[in-house]
Amino acid sequence: MYKPQFQKKLVCVKKNRALDTLSAAHPLEAALVKHDKKQEEIDMRMLRTMQGLHAPIRLHMEKLAVKDIGHLPCLHRHNAMLDALTGRDTTMEFEDFLNNPQDSEIMGQPHMMIERELFH
């Protein structure tokens, strides 16, 4: 038996995550993120004008496919394909010469780390 009054209560629940409330560590960081998004929009618009509608759609689809590629937990996280698609392979960023927060400095037994990743 379907009761629509319960659906309204579930829809009104607000999702409050700590990640949503965090702000940038420095004002320049927010400006750089905004600049990168704007530059990507300009590039997609120019690509659409020069090559047609299929080009930005294909590039976006390739980026989504590349983002889903996993990695072994005992190895560093490098996504060279995504860097090549976005053009970040020719630039030096914070993660290139300082520690990437996603890479763990603790080296363990690879088999144990993979099992822990699979079963948790």
PDB file of N, CA and C in Angstrom:
ATOM      1  N   MET A   1       0.836  -1.173   0.000  1.00  0.00           N
ATOM      2  CA  MET A   1       0.000   0.000   0.000  1.00  0.00           C
ATOM      3  C   MET A   1       0.887   1.243   0.000  1.00  0.00           C
ATOM      4  N   TYR A   2       0.725   2.094  -0.965  1.00  0.00           N
ATOM      5  CA  TYR A   2       1.534   3.287  -1.142  1.00  0.00           C
ATOM      6  C   TYR A   2       0.900   4.454  -0.407  1.00  0.00           C
ATOM      7  N   LYS A   3       1.695   5.129   0.413  1.00  0.00           N
ATOM      8  CA  LYS A   3       1.198   6.285   1.155  1.00  0.00           C
ATOM      9  C   LYS A   3       2.022   7.511   0.765  1.00  0.00           C
ATOM     10  N   PRO A   4       1.427   8.456   0.024  1.00  0.00           N
ATOM     11  CA  PRO A   4       2.194   9.611  -0.442  1.00  0.00           C
ATOM     12  C   PRO A   4       2.630  10.562   0.660  1.00  0.00           C
ATOM     13  N   GLN A   5       2.004  10.527   1.828  1.00  0.00           N
ATOM     14  CA  GLN A   5       2.404  11.454   2.878  1.00  0.00           C
ATOM     15  C   GLN A   5       3.810  11.143   3.390  1.00  0.00           C
ATOM     16  N   PHE A   6       4.242   9.864   3.317  1.00  0.00           N
ATOM     17  CA  PHE A   6       5.597   9.527   3.744  1.00  0.00           C
ATOM     18  C   PHE A   6       6.636  10.041   2.753  1.00  0.00           C
ATOM     19  N   GLN A   7       6.268  10.063   1.483  1.00  0.00           N
ATOM     20  CA  GLN A   7       7.192  10.536   0.469  1.00  0.00           C
ATOM     21  C   GLN A   7       7.519  12.010   0.682  1.00  0.00           C
ATOM     22  N   LYS A   8       6.562  12.804   1.057  1.00  0.00           N
ATOM     23  CA  LYS A   8       6.804  14.220   1.287  1.00  0.00           C
ATOM     24  C   LYS A   8       7.777  14.425   2.443  1.00  0.00           C
ATOM     25  N   LYS A   9       7.671  13.602   3.462  1.00  0.00           N
ATOM     26  CA  LYS A   9       8.575  13.730   4.602  1.00  0.00           C
ATOM     27  C   LYS A   9      10.006  13.374   4.213  1.00  0.00           C
ATOM     28  N   LEU A  10      10.166  12.376   3.345  1.00  0.00           N
ATOM     29  CA  LEU A  10      11.502  11.976   2.941  1.00  0.00           C
ATOM     30  C   LEU A  10      12.151  13.008   2.024  1.00  0.00           C
ATOM     31  N   VAL A  11      11.365  13.649   1.215  1.00  0.00           N
ATOM     32  CA  VAL A  11      11.908  14.641   0.298  1.00  0.00           C
ATOM     33  C   VAL A  11      12.386  15.876   1.050  1.00  0.00           C
ATOM     34  N   CYS A  12      11.752  16.197   2.150  1.00  0.00           N
ATOM     35  CA  CYS A  12      12.079  17.418   2.892  1.00  0.00           C
ATOM     36  C   CYS A  12      13.306  17.272   3.787  1.00  0.00           C
ATOM     37  N   VAL A  13      13.875  16.073   3.886  1.00  0.00           N
ATOM     38  CA  VAL A  13      15.042  15.873   4.729  1.00  0.00           C
ATOM     39  C   VAL A  13      16.232  16.576   4.088  1.00  0.00           C
ATOM     40  N   LYS A  14      16.914  17.399   4.852  1.00  0.00           N
ATOM     41  CA  LYS A  14      18.065  18.129   4.340  1.00  0.00           C
ATOM     42  C   LYS A  14      19.324  17.307   4.553  1.00  0.00           C
ATOM     43  N   LYS A  15      20.135  17.277   3.542  1.00  0.00           N
ATOM     44  CA  LYS A  15      21.416  16.591   3.656  1.00  0.00           C
ATOM     45  C   LYS A  15      22.431  17.597   4.162  1.00  0.00           C
ATOM     46  N   ASN A  16      23.002  17.319   5.296  1.00  0.00           N
ATOM     47  CA  ASN A  16      23.960  18.241   5.893  1.00  0.00           C
ATOM     48  C   ASN A  16      25.269  17.496   6.077  1.00  0.00           C
ATOM     49  N   ARG A  17      26.198  17.734   5.173  1.00  0.00           N
ATOM     50  CA  ARG A  17      27.487  17.073   5.252  1.00  0.00           C
ATOM     51  C   ARG A  17      28.545  18.087   5.651  1.00  0.00           C
ATOM     52  N   ALA A  18      29.545  17.614   6.338  1.00  0.00           N
ATOM     53  CA  ALA A  18      30.626  18.507   6.759  1.00  0.00           C
ATOM     54  C   ALA A  18      31.414  19.016   5.559  1.00  0.00           C
ATOM     55  N   LEU A  19      31.505  18.201   4.506  1.00  0.00           N
ATOM     56  CA  LEU A  19      32.251  18.605   3.322  1.00  0.00           C
ATOM     57  C   LEU A  19      31.603  19.793   2.629  1.00  0.00           C
ATOM     58  N   ASP A  20      30.268  19.889   2.692  1.00  0.00           N
ATOM     59  CA  ASP A  20      29.567  21.002   2.061  1.00  0.00           C
ATOM     60  C   ASP A  20      29.806  22.322   2.790  1.00  0.00           C
ATOM     61  N   THR A  21      30.144  22.258   4.061  1.00  0.00           N
ATOM     62  CA  THR A  21      30.328  23.480   4.843  1.00  0.00           C
ATOM     63  C   THR A  21      31.766  23.988   4.819  1.00  0.00           C
ATOM     64  N   LEU A  22      32.701  23.197   4.297  1.00  0.00           N
ATOM     65  CA  LEU A  22      34.097  23.616   4.256  1.00  0.00           C
ATOM     66  C   LEU A  22      34.302  24.672   3.180  1.00  0.00           C
ATOM     67  N   SER A  23      35.170  25.581   3.447  1.00  0.00           N
ATOM     68  CA  SER A  23      35.500  26.607   2.461  1.00  0.00           C
ATOM     69  C   SER A  23      36.950  26.430   2.030  1.00  0.00           C
ATOM     70  N   ALA A  24      37.344  27.191   1.056  1.00  0.00           N
ATOM     71  CA  ALA A  24      38.713  27.116   0.559  1.00  0.00           C
ATOM     72  C   ALA A  24      39.689  27.595   1.632  1.00  0.00           C
ATOM     73  N   ALA A  25      40.892  27.055   1.605  1.00  0.00           N
ATOM     74  CA  ALA A  25      41.893  27.424   2.597  1.00  0.00           C
ATOM     75  C   ALA A  25      42.444  28.820   2.347  1.00  0.00           C
ATOM     76  N   HIS A  26      42.417  29.263   1.119  1.00  0.00           N
ATOM     77  CA  HIS A  26      42.971  30.560   0.755  1.00  0.00           C
ATOM     78  C   HIS A  26      42.081  31.165  -0.325  1.00  0.00           C
ATOM     79  N   PRO A  27      41.885  32.476  -0.327  1.00  0.00           N
ATOM     80  CA  PRO A  27      41.030  33.091  -1.355  1.00  0.00           C
ATOM     81  C   PRO A  27      41.523  32.840  -2.780  1.00  0.00           C
ATOM     82  N   LEU A  28      42.817  32.703  -2.948  1.00  0.00           N
ATOM     83  CA  LEU A  28      43.367  32.440  -4.272  1.00  0.00           C
ATOM     84  C   LEU A  28      42.940  31.072  -4.789  1.00  0.00           C
ATOM     85  N   GLU A  29      42.782  30.106  -3.876  1.00  0.00           N
ATOM     86  CA  GLU A  29      42.359  28.765  -4.280  1.00  0.00           C
ATOM     87  C   GLU A  29      40.973  28.798  -4.913  1.00  0.00           C
ATOM     88  N   ALA A  30      40.053  29.531  -4.313  1.00  0.00           N
ATOM     89  CA  ALA A  30      38.704  29.643  -4.876  1.00  0.00           C
ATOM     90  C   ALA A  30      38.735  30.355  -6.225  1.00  0.00           C
ATOM     91  N   ALA A  31      39.581  31.366  -6.351  1.00  0.00           N
ATOM     92  CA  ALA A  31      39.693  32.086  -7.625  1.00  0.00           C
ATOM     93  C   ALA A  31      40.265  31.191  -8.719  1.00  0.00           C
ATOM     94  N   LEU A  32      41.228  30.342  -8.369  1.00  0.00           N
ATOM     95  CA  LEU A  32      41.801  29.431  -9.356  1.00  0.00           C
ATOM     96  C   LEU A  32      40.791  28.390  -9.816  1.00  0.00           C
ATOM     97  N   VAL A  33      39.986  27.879  -8.890  1.00  0.00           N
ATOM     98  CA  VAL A  33      38.951  26.907  -9.258  1.00  0.00           C
ATOM     99  C   VAL A  33      37.933  27.552 -10.185  1.00  0.00           C
ATOM    100  N   LYS A  34      37.544  28.768  -9.857  1.00  0.00           N
ATOM    101  CA  LYS A  34      36.588  29.492 -10.702  1.00  0.00           C
ATOM    102  C   LYS A  34      37.178  29.758 -12.084  1.00  0.00           C
ATOM    103  N   HIS A  35      38.455  30.121 -12.129  1.00  0.00           N
ATOM    104  CA  HIS A  35      39.124  30.373 -13.405  1.00  0.00           C
ATOM    105  C   HIS A  35      39.195  29.100 -14.243  1.00  0.00           C
ATOM    106  N   ASP A  36      39.521  27.972 -13.611  1.00  0.00           N
ATOM    107  CA  ASP A  36      39.606  26.708 -14.344  1.00  0.00           C
ATOM    108  C   ASP A  36      38.262  26.318 -14.945  1.00  0.00           C
ATOM    109  N   LYS A  37      37.183  26.491 -14.171  1.00  0.00           N
ATOM    110  CA  LYS A  37      35.848  26.166 -14.686  1.00  0.00           C
ATOM    111  C   LYS A  37      35.479  27.070 -15.854  1.00  0.00           C
ATOM    112  N   LYS A  38      35.772  28.349 -15.723  1.00  0.00           N
ATOM    113  CA  LYS A  38      35.460  29.301 -16.793  1.00  0.00           C
ATOM    114  C   LYS A  38      36.279  28.999 -18.043  1.00  0.00           C
ATOM    115  N   GLN A  39      37.546  28.652 -17.863  1.00  0.00           N
ATOM    116  CA  GLN A  39      38.397  28.326 -19.003  1.00  0.00           C
ATOM    117  C   GLN A  39      37.909  27.059 -19.703  1.00  0.00           C
ATOM    118  N   GLU A  40      37.439  26.082 -18.925  1.00  0.00           N
ATOM    119  CA  GLU A  40      36.898  24.859 -19.533  1.00  0.00           C
ATOM    120  C   GLU A  40      35.628  25.161 -20.328  1.00  0.00           C
ATOM    121  N   GLU A  41      34.777  26.040 -19.810  1.00  0.00           N
ATOM    122  CA  GLU A  41      33.578  26.433 -20.552  1.00  0.00           C
ATOM    123  C   GLU A  41      33.942  27.119 -21.866  1.00  0.00           C
ATOM    124  N   ILE A  42      34.938  27.986 -21.836  1.00  0.00           N
ATOM    125  CA  ILE A  42      35.377  28.676 -23.052  1.00  0.00           C
ATOM    126  C   ILE A  42      35.941  27.677 -24.059  1.00  0.00           C
ATOM    127  N   ASP A  43      36.747  26.730 -23.572  1.00  0.00           N
ATOM    128  CA  ASP A  43      37.318  25.721 -24.463  1.00  0.00           C
ATOM    129  C   ASP A  43      36.236  24.859 -25.105  1.00  0.00           C
ATOM    130  N   MET A  44      35.234  24.471 -24.318  1.00  0.00           N
ATOM    131  CA  MET A  44      34.145  23.655 -24.862  1.00  0.00           C
ATOM    132  C   MET A  44      33.325  24.436 -25.884  1.00  0.00           C
ATOM    133  N   ARG A  45      33.092  25.703 -25.623  1.00  0.00           N
ATOM    134  CA  ARG A  45      32.347  26.539 -26.565  1.00  0.00           C
ATOM    135  C   ARG A  45      33.124  26.699 -27.875  1.00  0.00           C
ATOM    136  N   MET A  46      34.436  26.904 -27.772  1.00  0.00           N
ATOM    137  CA  MET A  46      35.262  27.043 -28.963  1.00  0.00           C
ATOM    138  C   MET A  46      35.332  25.724 -29.733  1.00  0.00           C
ATOM    139  N   LEU A  47      35.430  24.614 -29.011  1.00  0.00           N
ATOM    140  CA  LEU A  47      35.457  23.300 -29.646  1.00  0.00           C
ATOM    141  C   LEU A  47      34.150  23.022 -30.372  1.00  0.00           C
ATOM    142  N   ARG A  48      33.045  23.416 -29.769  1.00  0.00           N
ATOM    143  CA  ARG A  48      31.734  23.227 -30.403  1.00  0.00           C
ATOM    144  C   ARG A  48      31.613  24.077 -31.666  1.00  0.00           C
ATOM    145  N   THR A  49      32.119  25.290 -31.621  1.00  0.00           N
ATOM    146  CA  THR A  49      32.042  26.175 -32.781  1.00  0.00           C
ATOM    147  C   THR A  49      32.902  25.653 -33.931  1.00  0.00           C
ATOM    148  N   MET A  50      34.083  25.144 -33.608  1.00  0.00           N
ATOM    149  CA  MET A  50      35.011  24.732 -34.659  1.00  0.00           C
ATOM    150  C   MET A  50      34.718  23.339 -35.206  1.00  0.00           C
ATOM    151  N   GLN A  51      34.322  22.390 -34.343  1.00  0.00           N
ATOM    152  CA  GLN A  51      34.197  21.005 -34.781  1.00  0.00           C
ATOM    153  C   GLN A  51      32.779  20.466 -34.717  1.00  0.00           C
ATOM    154  N   GLY A  52      31.870  21.178 -34.123  1.00  0.00           N
ATOM    155  CA  GLY A  52      30.494  20.709 -34.040  1.00  0.00           C
ATOM    156  C   GLY A  52      30.144  20.242 -32.640  1.00  0.00           C
ATOM    157  N   LEU A  53      28.893  19.853 -32.475  1.00  0.00           N
ATOM    158  CA  LEU A  53      28.378  19.474 -31.158  1.00  0.00           C
ATOM    159  C   LEU A  53      28.986  18.178 -30.631  1.00  0.00           C
ATOM    160  N   HIS A  54      29.390  17.294 -31.542  1.00  0.00           N
ATOM    161  CA  HIS A  54      29.894  15.990 -31.102  1.00  0.00           C
ATOM    162  C   HIS A  54      31.200  16.095 -30.319  1.00  0.00           C
ATOM    163  N   ALA A  55      32.042  17.063 -30.626  1.00  0.00           N
ATOM    164  CA  ALA A  55      33.374  17.142 -30.018  1.00  0.00           C
ATOM    165  C   ALA A  55      33.331  17.399 -28.510  1.00  0.00           C
ATOM    166  N   PRO A  56      32.593  18.414 -28.019  1.00  0.00           N
ATOM    167  CA  PRO A  56      32.564  18.589 -26.559  1.00  0.00           C
ATOM    168  C   PRO A  56      31.844  17.454 -25.840  1.00  0.00           C
ATOM    169  N   ILE A  57      30.842  16.867 -26.492  1.00  0.00           N
ATOM    170  CA  ILE A  57      30.140  15.738 -25.871  1.00  0.00           C
ATOM    171  C   ILE A  57      31.077  14.546 -25.749  1.00  0.00           C
ATOM    172  N   ARG A  58      31.840  14.280 -26.804  1.00  0.00           N
ATOM    173  CA  ARG A  58      32.773  13.153 -26.777  1.00  0.00           C
ATOM    174  C   ARG A  58      33.864  13.370 -25.728  1.00  0.00           C
ATOM    175  N   LEU A  59      34.398  14.591 -25.667  1.00  0.00           N
ATOM    176  CA  LEU A  59      35.438  14.891 -24.688  1.00  0.00           C
ATOM    177  C   LEU A  59      34.908  14.743 -23.259  1.00  0.00           C
ATOM    178  N   HIS A  60      33.695  15.220 -23.024  1.00  0.00           N
ATOM    179  CA  HIS A  60      33.085  15.081 -21.696  1.00  0.00           C
ATOM    180  C   HIS A  60      32.872  13.607 -21.352  1.00  0.00           C
ATOM    181  N   MET A  61      32.428  12.816 -22.325  1.00  0.00           N
ATOM    182  CA  MET A  61      32.210  11.391 -22.102  1.00  0.00           C
ATOM    183  C   MET A  61      33.535  10.685 -21.798  1.00  0.00           C
ATOM    184  N   GLU A  62      34.593  11.054 -22.504  1.00  0.00           N
ATOM    185  CA  GLU A  62      35.902  10.462 -22.241  1.00  0.00           C
ATOM    186  C   GLU A  62      36.402  10.825 -20.844  1.00  0.00           C
ATOM    187  N   LYS A  63      36.186  12.062 -20.422  1.00  0.00           N
ATOM    188  CA  LYS A  63      36.600  12.479 -19.073  1.00  0.00           C
ATOM    189  C   LYS A  63      35.859  11.688 -18.004  1.00  0.00           C
ATOM    190  N   LEU A  64      34.554  11.477 -18.204  1.00  0.00           N
ATOM    191  CA  LEU A  64      33.786  10.702 -17.229  1.00  0.00           C
ATOM    192  C   LEU A  64      34.264   9.260 -17.165  1.00  0.00           C
ATOM    193  N   ALA A  65      34.600   8.677 -18.312  1.00  0.00           N
ATOM    194  CA  ALA A  65      35.084   7.298 -18.334  1.00  0.00           C
ATOM    195  C   ALA A  65      36.446   7.177 -17.660  1.00  0.00           C
ATOM    196  N   VAL A  66      37.303   8.147 -17.858  1.00  0.00           N
ATOM    197  CA  VAL A  66      38.649   8.108 -17.293  1.00  0.00           C
ATOM    198  C   VAL A  66      38.621   8.327 -15.784  1.00  0.00           C
ATOM    199  N   LYS A  67      37.686   9.131 -15.286  1.00  0.00           N
ATOM    200  CA  LYS A  67      37.604   9.390 -13.845  1.00  0.00           C
ATOM    201  C   LYS A  67      37.255   8.134 -13.056  1.00  0.00           C
ATOM    202  N   ASP A  68      36.576   7.177 -13.688  1.00  0.00           N
ATOM    203  CA  ASP A  68      36.139   5.975 -12.988  1.00  0.00           C
ATOM    204  C   ASP A  68      37.206   4.893 -12.917  1.00  0.00           C
ATOM    205  N   ILE A  69      38.354   5.114 -13.528  1.00  0.00           N
ATOM    206  CA  ILE A  69      39.413   4.111 -13.508  1.00  0.00           C
ATOM    207  C   ILE A  69      39.980   4.028 -12.098  1.00  0.00           C
ATOM    208  N   GLY A  70      40.033   2.834 -11.554  1.00  0.00           N
ATOM    209  CA  GLY A  70      40.542   2.635 -10.199  1.00  0.00           C
ATOM    210  C   GLY A  70      42.051   2.467 -10.181  1.00  0.00           C
ATOM    211  N   HIS A  71      42.579   2.245  -9.026  1.00  0.00           N
ATOM    212  CA  HIS A  71      44.007   2.008  -8.866  1.00  0.00           C
ATOM    213  C   HIS A  71      44.198   1.074  -7.689  1.00  0.00           C
ATOM    214  N   LEU A  72      45.347   0.465  -7.633  1.00  0.00           N
ATOM    215  CA  LEU A  72      45.665  -0.393  -6.503  1.00  0.00           C
ATOM    216  C   LEU A  72      45.991   0.474  -5.296  1.00  0.00           C
ATOM    217  N   PRO A  73      45.530   0.091  -4.115  1.00  0.00           N
ATOM    218  CA  PRO A  73      45.752   0.935  -2.939  1.00  0.00           C
ATOM    219  C   PRO A  73      47.217   1.053  -2.535  1.00  0.00           C
ATOM    220  N   CYS A  74      48.069   0.151  -3.007  1.00  0.00           N
ATOM    221  CA  CYS A  74      49.482   0.221  -2.624  1.00  0.00           C
ATOM    222  C   CYS A  74      50.299   1.091  -3.574  1.00  0.00           C
ATOM    223  N   LEU A  75      49.680   1.588  -4.641  1.00  0.00           N
ATOM    224  CA  LEU A  75      50.385   2.432  -5.604  1.00  0.00           C
ATOM    225  C   LEU A  75      49.881   3.862  -5.524  1.00  0.00           C
ATOM    226  N   HIS A  76      50.697   4.790  -6.007  1.00  0.00           N
ATOM    227  CA  HIS A  76      50.296   6.188  -6.025  1.00  0.00           C
ATOM    228  C   HIS A  76      49.184   6.389  -7.030  1.00  0.00           C
ATOM    229  N   ARG A  77      48.334   7.353  -6.764  1.00  0.00           N
ATOM    230  CA  ARG A  77      47.200   7.652  -7.635  1.00  0.00           C
ATOM    231  C   ARG A  77      47.654   8.653  -8.700  1.00  0.00           C
ATOM    232  N   HIS A  78      47.817   8.168  -9.905  1.00  0.00           N
ATOM    233  CA  HIS A  78      48.156   9.022 -11.035  1.00  0.00           C
ATOM    234  C   HIS A  78      47.149   8.740 -12.131  1.00  0.00           C
ATOM    235  N   ASN A  79      46.560   9.758 -12.662  1.00  0.00           N
ATOM    236  CA  ASN A  79      45.600   9.598 -13.745  1.00  0.00           C
ATOM    237  C   ASN A  79      46.115  10.389 -14.940  1.00  0.00           C
ATOM    238  N   ALA A  80      47.077   9.786 -15.647  1.00  0.00           N
ATOM    239  CA  ALA A  80      47.718  10.468 -16.767  1.00  0.00           C
ATOM    240  C   ALA A  80      46.740  10.713 -17.908  1.00  0.00           C
ATOM    241  N   MET A  81      45.767   9.815 -18.080  1.00  0.00           N
ATOM    242  CA  MET A  81      44.797  10.003 -19.163  1.00  0.00           C
ATOM    243  C   MET A  81      43.940  11.244 -18.919  1.00  0.00           C
ATOM    244  N   LEU A  82      43.478  11.431 -17.682  1.00  0.00           N
ATOM    245  CA  LEU A  82      42.673  12.609 -17.367  1.00  0.00           C
ATOM    246  C   LEU A  82      43.511  13.881 -17.471  1.00  0.00           C
ATOM    247  N   ASP A  83      44.768  13.809 -17.050  1.00  0.00           N
ATOM    248  CA  ASP A  83      45.652  14.969 -17.182  1.00  0.00           C
ATOM    249  C   ASP A  83      45.858  15.345 -18.644  1.00  0.00           C
ATOM    250  N   ALA A  84      45.980  14.349 -19.516  1.00  0.00           N
ATOM    251  CA  ALA A  84      46.154  14.633 -20.943  1.00  0.00           C
ATOM    252  C   ALA A  84      44.885  15.223 -21.547  1.00  0.00           C
ATOM    253  N   LEU A  85      43.723  14.742 -21.117  1.00  0.00           N
ATOM    254  CA  LEU A  85      42.462  15.264 -21.659  1.00  0.00           C
ATOM    255  C   LEU A  85      42.185  16.688 -21.195  1.00  0.00           C
ATOM    256  N   THR A  86      42.574  17.011 -19.984  1.00  0.00           N
ATOM    257  CA  THR A  86      42.304  18.344 -19.453  1.00  0.00           C
ATOM    258  C   THR A  86      43.438  19.331 -19.717  1.00  0.00           C
ATOM    259  N   GLY A  87      44.587  18.842 -20.177  1.00  0.00           N
ATOM    260  CA  GLY A  87      45.712  19.725 -20.447  1.00  0.00           C
ATOM    261  C   GLY A  87      46.579  19.983 -19.237  1.00  0.00           C
ATOM    262  N   ARG A  88      46.365  19.255 -18.161  1.00  0.00           N
ATOM    263  CA  ARG A  88      47.170  19.456 -16.953  1.00  0.00           C
ATOM    264  C   ARG A  88      48.493  18.707 -17.008  1.00  0.00           C
ATOM    265  N   ASP A  89      48.722  17.944 -18.073  1.00  0.00           N
ATOM    266  CA  ASP A  89      49.979  17.208 -18.176  1.00  0.00           C
ATOM    267  C   ASP A  89      51.149  18.115 -18.535  1.00  0.00           C
ATOM    268  N   THR A  90      50.875  19.321 -18.969  1.00  0.00           N
ATOM    269  CA  THR A  90      51.941  20.253 -19.345  1.00  0.00           C
ATOM    270  C   THR A  90      52.139  21.364 -18.318  1.00  0.00           C
ATOM    271  N   THR A  91      51.434  21.307 -17.206  1.00  0.00           N
ATOM    272  CA  THR A  91      51.540  22.348 -16.187  1.00  0.00           C
ATOM    273  C   THR A  91      52.106  21.776 -14.897  1.00  0.00           C
ATOM    274  N   MET A  92      52.696  22.645 -14.093  1.00  0.00           N
ATOM    275  CA  MET A  92      53.178  22.263 -12.772  1.00  0.00           C
ATOM    276  C   MET A  92      52.194  22.788 -11.740  1.00  0.00           C
ATOM    277  N   GLU A  93      51.689  21.888 -10.903  1.00  0.00           N
ATOM    278  CA  GLU A  93      50.739  22.267  -9.867  1.00  0.00           C
ATOM    279  C   GLU A  93      51.285  21.870  -8.508  1.00  0.00           C
ATOM    280  N   PHE A  94      50.525  22.197  -7.483  1.00  0.00           N
ATOM    281  CA  PHE A  94      50.912  21.914  -6.102  1.00  0.00           C
ATOM    282  C   PHE A  94      51.198  20.428  -5.905  1.00  0.00           C
ATOM    283  N   GLU A  95      50.343  19.578  -6.467  1.00  0.00           N
ATOM    284  CA  GLU A  95      50.477  18.137  -6.270  1.00  0.00           C
ATOM    285  C   GLU A  95      51.687  17.558  -6.985  1.00  0.00           C
ATOM    286  N   ASP A  96      52.244  18.279  -7.943  1.00  0.00           N
ATOM    287  CA  ASP A  96      53.372  17.760  -8.700  1.00  0.00           C
ATOM    288  C   ASP A  96      54.683  17.809  -7.925  1.00  0.00           C
ATOM    289  N   PHE A  97      54.872  18.808  -7.084  1.00  0.00           N
ATOM    290  CA  PHE A  97      56.147  18.902  -6.385  1.00  0.00           C
ATOM    291  C   PHE A  97      56.019  18.806  -4.878  1.00  0.00           C
ATOM    292  N   LEU A  98      54.820  18.905  -4.342  1.00  0.00           N
ATOM    293  CA  LEU A  98      54.607  18.656  -2.924  1.00  0.00           C
ATOM    294  C   LEU A  98      53.729  17.418  -2.783  1.00  0.00           C
ATOM    295  N   ASN A  99      53.427  17.047  -1.588  1.00  0.00           N
ATOM    296  CA  ASN A  99      52.695  15.808  -1.355  1.00  0.00           C
ATOM    297  C   ASN A  99      51.248  15.919  -1.815  1.00  0.00           C
ATOM    298  N   ASN A 100      50.809  14.935  -2.555  1.00  0.00           N
ATOM    299  CA  ASN A 100      49.409  14.818  -2.930  1.00  0.00           C
ATOM    300  C   ASN A 100      48.667  14.203  -1.746  1.00  0.00           C
ATOM    301  N   PRO A 101      47.623  14.836  -1.231  1.00  0.00           N
ATOM    302  CA  PRO A 101      46.941  14.303  -0.052  1.00  0.00           C
ATOM    303  C   PRO A 101      46.318  12.927  -0.270  1.00  0.00           C
ATOM    304  N   GLN A 102      46.060  12.561  -1.522  1.00  0.00           N
ATOM    305  CA  GLN A 102      45.440  11.269  -1.789  1.00  0.00           C
ATOM    306  C   GLN A 102      46.446  10.129  -1.747  1.00  0.00           C
ATOM    307  N   ASP A 103      47.729  10.446  -1.872  1.00  0.00           N
ATOM    308  CA  ASP A 103      48.753   9.408  -1.842  1.00  0.00           C
ATOM    309  C   ASP A 103      49.176   9.148  -0.407  1.00  0.00           C
ATOM    310  N   SER A 104      49.172   7.916  -0.045  1.00  0.00           N
ATOM    311  CA  SER A 104      49.567   7.552   1.304  1.00  0.00           C
ATOM    312  C   SER A 104      51.079   7.393   1.374  1.00  0.00           C
ATOM    313  N   GLU A 105      51.670   7.903   2.433  1.00  0.00           N
ATOM    314  CA  GLU A 105      53.108   7.752   2.615  1.00  0.00           C
ATOM    315  C   GLU A 105      53.446   6.461   3.348  1.00  0.00           C
ATOM    316  N   ILE A 106      52.443   5.795   3.854  1.00  0.00           N
ATOM    317  CA  ILE A 106      52.670   4.562   4.600  1.00  0.00           C
ATOM    318  C   ILE A 106      52.639   3.398   3.621  1.00  0.00           C
ATOM    319  N   MET A 107      53.737   2.695   3.502  1.00  0.00           N
ATOM    320  CA  MET A 107      53.809   1.553   2.603  1.00  0.00           C
ATOM    321  C   MET A 107      53.582   0.294   3.409  1.00  0.00           C
ATOM    322  N   GLY A 108      52.706  -0.537   2.926  1.00  0.00           N
ATOM    323  CA  GLY A 108      52.402  -1.786   3.599  1.00  0.00           C
ATOM    324  C   GLY A 108      52.512  -2.943   2.633  1.00  0.00           C
ATOM    325  N   GLN A 109      52.006  -4.075   3.054  1.00  0.00           N
ATOM    326  CA  GLN A 109      52.000  -5.239   2.182  1.00  0.00           C
ATOM    327  C   GLN A 109      50.890  -5.065   1.145  1.00  0.00           C
ATOM    328  N   PRO A 110      51.214  -5.141  -0.134  1.00  0.00           N
ATOM    329  CA  PRO A 110      50.216  -4.877  -1.176  1.00  0.00           C
ATOM    330  C   PRO A 110      49.003  -5.797  -1.108  1.00  0.00           C
ATOM    331  N   HIS A 111      49.224  -7.076  -0.832  1.00  0.00           N
ATOM    332  CA  HIS A 111      48.105  -8.016  -0.803  1.00  0.00           C
ATOM    333  C   HIS A 111      47.142  -7.707   0.340  1.00  0.00           C
ATOM    334  N   MET A 112      47.681  -7.355   1.485  1.00  0.00           N
ATOM    335  CA  MET A 112      46.830  -7.016   2.626  1.00  0.00           C
ATOM    336  C   MET A 112      46.047  -5.728   2.356  1.00  0.00           C
ATOM    337  N   MET A 113      46.679  -4.759   1.725  1.00  0.00           N
ATOM    338  CA  MET A 113      46.003  -3.497   1.433  1.00  0.00           C
ATOM    339  C   MET A 113      44.872  -3.695   0.429  1.00  0.00           C
ATOM    340  N   ILE A 114      45.093  -4.543  -0.571  1.00  0.00           N
ATOM    341  CA  ILE A 114      44.047  -4.809  -1.562  1.00  0.00           C
ATOM    342  C   ILE A 114      42.887  -5.552  -0.921  1.00  0.00           C
ATOM    343  N   GLU A 115      43.179  -6.549  -0.071  1.00  0.00           N
ATOM    344  CA  GLU A 115      42.106  -7.272   0.613  1.00  0.00           C
ATOM    345  C   GLU A 115      41.307  -6.338   1.512  1.00  0.00           C
ATOM    346  N   ARG A 116      41.973  -5.457   2.214  1.00  0.00           N
ATOM    347  CA  ARG A 116      41.286  -4.501   3.078  1.00  0.00           C
ATOM    348  C   ARG A 116      40.375  -3.595   2.243  1.00  0.00           C
ATOM    349  N   GLU A 117      40.859  -3.181   1.075  1.00  0.00           N
ATOM    350  CA  GLU A 117      40.068  -2.312   0.195  1.00  0.00           C
ATOM    351  C   GLU A 117      38.852  -3.054  -0.369  1.00  0.00           C
ATOM    352  N   LEU A 118      39.007  -4.326  -0.672  1.00  0.00           N
ATOM    353  CA  LEU A 118      37.906  -5.099  -1.262  1.00  0.00           C
ATOM    354  C   LEU A 118      36.818  -5.434  -0.256  1.00  0.00           C
ATOM    355  N   PHE A 119      37.197  -5.737   0.964  1.00  0.00           N
ATOM    356  CA  PHE A 119      36.223  -6.224   1.936  1.00  0.00           C
ATOM    357  C   PHE A 119      35.698  -5.149   2.871  1.00  0.00           C
ATOM    358  N   HIS A 120      36.112  -3.915   2.720  1.00  0.00           N
ATOM    359  CA  HIS A 120      35.593  -2.838   3.579  1.00  0.00           C
ATOM    360  C   HIS A 120      34.928  -1.785   2.785  1.00  0.00           C
TER     361      HIS A 120
END
